[in-house]
Amino acid sequence: MTQALYDELAIVAAALAHPKRLRALNLLFQGPKPIDALAALLEESPANTAAHMKVLRDAGLVVGVREGKYVFQHVSHAVVTPLVLGLRSAAEEIRPAAARQHQQNQATASTITMAELESLMLRGRVLLIDLRPREEYEKGHLPGARSLPLAALPELACTLPRRRRVLVYCRGKYCPNAIRGEAALKERGFRAERLAFGVPEWIAEGRMPVSELCQ
């Protein structure tokens, strides 16, 4: 490679080299968000969040799109999701703490693959629950999933069919809300399992989520 290309790679790598920016990207994988909403989820000030977004925009990883009064932050390109998840996979292999988290997650998550999920959904064998906020569900969800935000689960769990096998997912492989949702359903007597993937992993494998906004 030429020195110029190494320089370009370094710009992208430097933009990713901050845990808040990596977390922000995972949130944007769920759907575009304005700075204030992203700041609240990151538990950061809007000013700090805007600074992080500028770094990501300057590196070409994020773009800002005005929608009415707000500028929504969007992931710039389809390659960004597999790039970040590939970085995560590398850390799971070479960083001991990340490897331990990966092993713990694999030990407690369902072993159902994406292809197996598609088959189960086609045969009507499972109920798939998206635990994310409704607005994220509407921007893109796994095919056939039903929206049941975690905050509403205690009130609405009684509306679910008790004889069905229930699969839940949230913002991705390590999302703690998926663990909480699985536990809450099991406490109520459901046969619940937590998927080892969510929308980001689905996209990274070349599969398309379903958007309610396009229907």
Protein backbone atom coordinates (compact mmCIF):
# COMPACT_ATOMS: atom_id res chain seq x y z
CA MET A 1 0.00 0.00 0.00
CA THR A 2 1.04 3.58 -0.51
CA GLN A 3 1.77 5.96 2.35
CA ALA A 4 -1.33 7.96 1.41
CA LEU A 5 -3.52 4.89 1.87
CA TYR A 6 -1.91 4.12 5.23
CA ASP A 7 -2.72 7.69 6.24
CA GLU A 8 -6.37 7.21 5.27
CA LEU A 9 -6.58 3.95 7.23
CA ALA A 10 -5.09 5.70 10.25
CA ILE A 11 -7.80 8.38 10.12
CA VAL A 12 -10.54 5.74 10.25
CA ALA A 13 -8.75 3.78 12.98
CA ALA A 14 -8.24 6.92 15.09
CA ALA A 15 -11.93 7.82 14.80
CA LEU A 16 -12.87 4.36 16.11
CA ALA A 17 -10.33 4.48 18.95
CA HIS A 18 -12.70 5.73 21.64
CA PRO A 19 -15.28 3.65 23.57
CA LYS A 20 -17.92 6.40 23.45
CA ARG A 21 -17.67 6.64 19.67
CA LEU A 22 -17.93 2.87 19.30
CA ARG A 23 -20.98 2.88 21.55
CA ALA A 24 -22.46 5.78 19.57
CA LEU A 25 -22.04 3.83 16.34
CA ASN A 26 -23.81 0.82 17.84
CA LEU A 27 -26.70 3.11 18.76
CA LEU A 28 -26.76 4.54 15.24
CA PHE A 29 -26.86 1.00 13.83
CA GLN A 30 -30.34 0.87 15.40
CA GLY A 31 -31.40 3.92 13.38
CA PRO A 32 -30.53 7.61 12.87
CA LYS A 33 -30.68 9.89 15.90
CA PRO A 34 -30.30 13.62 16.60
CA ILE A 35 -27.47 14.76 18.86
CA ASP A 36 -29.65 15.35 21.94
CA ALA A 37 -31.20 11.87 21.80
CA LEU A 38 -27.82 10.27 21.24
CA ALA A 39 -26.32 12.27 24.12
CA ALA A 40 -29.02 11.03 26.49
CA LEU A 41 -28.38 7.40 25.54
CA LEU A 42 -24.62 7.87 25.90
CA GLU A 43 -25.07 9.73 29.21
CA GLU A 44 -22.90 12.49 27.77
CA SER A 45 -23.46 16.21 27.32
CA PRO A 46 -24.75 17.31 23.90
CA ALA A 47 -21.51 19.26 23.42
CA ASN A 48 -19.30 16.22 24.02
CA THR A 49 -21.54 14.07 21.84
CA ALA A 50 -21.38 16.62 19.03
CA ALA A 51 -17.58 16.59 19.28
CA HIS A 52 -17.53 12.79 18.98
CA MET A 53 -19.86 12.97 15.98
CA LYS A 54 -17.57 15.49 14.30
CA VAL A 55 -14.66 13.06 14.58
CA LEU A 56 -16.79 10.30 13.06
CA ARG A 57 -18.06 12.60 10.30
CA ASP A 58 -14.56 13.82 9.46
CA ALA A 59 -13.48 10.18 9.10
CA GLY A 60 -16.42 9.46 6.78
CA LEU A 61 -18.14 7.05 9.16
CA VAL A 62 -21.19 9.21 9.90
CA VAL A 63 -23.17 11.85 8.02
CA GLY A 64 -25.61 14.46 9.30
CA VAL A 65 -28.97 14.76 7.53
CA ARG A 66 -31.39 17.56 8.34
CA GLU A 67 -34.95 16.38 8.94
CA GLY A 68 -37.17 19.29 9.91
CA LYS A 69 -35.72 21.11 12.91
CA TYR A 70 -33.15 18.42 13.69
CA VAL A 71 -29.97 17.10 12.13
CA PHE A 72 -30.01 13.31 12.41
CA GLN A 73 -26.76 11.39 12.59
CA HIS A 74 -26.68 8.47 10.15
CA VAL A 75 -24.14 5.72 9.57
CA SER A 76 -22.58 6.77 6.27
CA HIS A 77 -22.21 3.45 4.47
CA ALA A 78 -23.17 -0.22 4.71
CA VAL A 79 -19.52 -1.18 5.27
CA VAL A 80 -19.39 0.62 8.63
CA THR A 81 -21.43 -2.02 10.47
CA PRO A 82 -19.27 -5.04 9.49
CA LEU A 83 -16.17 -2.90 10.08
CA VAL A 84 -17.11 -2.26 13.72
CA LEU A 85 -18.34 -5.81 14.32
CA GLY A 86 -15.15 -7.14 12.75
CA LEU A 87 -13.17 -5.05 15.21
CA ARG A 88 -15.25 -6.55 18.02
CA SER A 89 -14.60 -10.08 16.74
CA ALA A 90 -10.87 -9.38 16.61
CA ALA A 91 -10.93 -8.12 20.21
CA GLU A 92 -12.77 -11.29 21.27
CA GLU A 93 -9.88 -13.30 19.85
CA ILE A 94 -6.87 -11.29 21.03
CA ARG A 95 -7.98 -9.42 24.17
CA PRO A 96 -8.43 -11.65 27.26
CA ALA A 97 -11.21 -9.56 28.86
CA ALA A 98 -13.15 -9.42 25.59
CA ALA A 99 -12.64 -13.17 25.12
CA ARG A 100 -14.10 -13.84 28.57
CA GLN A 101 -17.15 -11.69 27.83
CA HIS A 102 -17.63 -13.51 24.53
CA GLN A 103 -17.45 -16.91 26.24
CA GLN A 104 -19.87 -15.86 28.98
CA ASN A 105 -22.30 -14.51 26.40
CA GLN A 106 -22.12 -17.65 24.27
CA ALA A 107 -22.77 -19.81 27.33
CA THR A 108 -26.07 -18.10 28.13
CA ALA A 109 -27.44 -17.05 24.71
CA SER A 110 -29.48 -19.22 22.36
CA THR A 111 -27.53 -21.25 19.82
CA ILE A 112 -30.08 -20.48 17.08
CA THR A 113 -28.39 -19.16 13.95
CA MET A 114 -29.81 -16.56 11.59
CA ALA A 115 -30.65 -19.20 9.01
CA GLU A 116 -32.38 -21.33 11.65
CA LEU A 117 -34.34 -18.31 12.85
CA GLU A 118 -35.58 -17.64 9.32
CA SER A 119 -36.73 -21.26 9.04
CA LEU A 120 -38.47 -21.20 12.43
CA MET A 121 -40.24 -17.95 11.57
CA LEU A 122 -41.44 -19.30 8.22
CA ARG A 123 -42.93 -22.33 9.98
CA GLY A 124 -44.52 -20.20 12.71
CA ARG A 125 -42.68 -22.11 15.40
CA VAL A 126 -41.50 -19.15 17.49
CA LEU A 127 -42.53 -15.68 18.61
CA LEU A 128 -39.77 -13.13 18.00
CA ILE A 129 -39.73 -10.09 20.31
CA ASP A 130 -37.82 -6.85 19.71
CA LEU A 131 -37.13 -5.24 23.10
CA ARG A 132 -35.79 -1.94 21.78
CA PRO A 133 -37.71 1.35 21.93
CA ARG A 134 -40.53 1.53 19.40
CA GLU A 135 -38.81 4.18 17.26
CA GLU A 136 -35.78 1.93 16.76
CA TYR A 137 -38.02 -1.01 15.89
CA GLU A 138 -39.81 1.09 13.26
CA LYS A 139 -36.53 2.13 11.62
CA GLY A 140 -35.44 -1.48 11.15
CA HIS A 141 -36.09 -4.82 12.83
CA LEU A 142 -35.60 -8.52 12.23
CA PRO A 143 -38.23 -9.94 9.84
CA GLY A 144 -41.36 -11.09 11.64
CA ALA A 145 -40.42 -9.51 14.96
CA ARG A 146 -43.04 -8.01 17.25
CA SER A 147 -42.27 -4.80 19.12
CA LEU A 148 -42.42 -5.09 22.90
CA PRO A 149 -40.10 -2.49 24.48
CA LEU A 150 -38.48 -3.66 27.69
CA ALA A 151 -40.14 -0.86 29.68
CA ALA A 152 -43.58 -2.12 28.63
CA LEU A 153 -42.85 -5.81 29.15
CA PRO A 154 -44.19 -6.10 32.74
CA GLU A 155 -47.54 -4.67 31.65
CA LEU A 156 -47.89 -6.37 28.26
CA ALA A 157 -46.29 -9.79 28.81
CA CYS A 158 -49.74 -11.17 29.61
CA THR A 159 -50.76 -10.54 25.97
CA LEU A 160 -48.19 -13.05 24.67
CA PRO A 161 -49.21 -16.65 23.88
CA ARG A 162 -47.84 -18.81 26.69
CA ARG A 163 -47.43 -21.98 24.66
CA ARG A 164 -45.12 -20.41 22.11
CA ARG A 165 -41.35 -20.49 22.30
CA VAL A 166 -40.26 -16.85 22.69
CA LEU A 167 -37.02 -15.44 21.28
CA VAL A 168 -35.89 -11.96 22.30
CA TYR A 169 -33.26 -9.55 21.06
CA CYS A 170 -32.27 -5.96 21.69
CA ARG A 171 -29.44 -3.76 20.35
CA GLY A 172 -27.02 -6.56 19.61
CA LYS A 173 -25.04 -9.46 20.96
CA TYR A 174 -24.08 -7.90 24.29
CA CYS A 175 -27.15 -5.76 24.98
CA PRO A 176 -28.00 -6.05 28.71
CA ASN A 177 -31.67 -5.33 28.03
CA ALA A 178 -31.96 -8.62 26.16
CA ILE A 179 -30.72 -10.41 29.28
CA ARG A 180 -33.23 -8.50 31.42
CA GLY A 181 -36.07 -9.22 29.01
CA GLU A 182 -35.28 -12.92 28.86
CA ALA A 183 -35.18 -13.12 32.67
CA ALA A 184 -38.45 -11.20 33.04
CA LEU A 185 -40.26 -13.53 30.65
CA LYS A 186 -38.88 -16.64 32.33
CA GLU A 187 -40.08 -15.33 35.69
CA ARG A 188 -43.57 -15.15 34.17
CA GLY A 189 -43.45 -18.73 32.98
CA PHE A 190 -42.50 -18.24 29.32
CA ARG A 191 -40.06 -20.42 27.40
CA ALA A 192 -37.81 -17.49 26.57
CA GLU A 193 -34.39 -17.44 24.94
CA ARG A 194 -32.06 -14.56 24.11
CA LEU A 195 -30.67 -14.46 20.59
CA ALA A 196 -26.92 -14.05 20.19
CA PHE A 197 -27.49 -11.33 17.59
CA GLY A 198 -29.56 -8.27 16.80
CA VAL A 199 -30.01 -5.84 13.92
CA PRO A 200 -26.29 -4.87 13.63
CA GLU A 201 -25.21 -8.50 13.28
CA TRP A 202 -28.09 -9.15 10.87
CA ILE A 203 -26.93 -6.28 8.64
CA ALA A 204 -23.28 -7.32 8.87
CA GLU A 205 -24.24 -10.71 7.41
CA GLY A 206 -25.80 -9.02 4.38
CA ARG A 207 -29.40 -9.46 5.50
CA MET A 208 -31.91 -6.63 5.31
CA PRO A 209 -33.94 -5.53 8.33
CA VAL A 210 -37.60 -4.61 7.87
CA SER A 211 -38.53 -0.94 8.24
CA GLU A 212 -42.04 -0.02 9.30
CA LEU A 213 -41.44 3.48 7.93
CA CYS A 214 -41.28 2.14 4.38
CA GLN A 215 -44.54 0.21 4.51
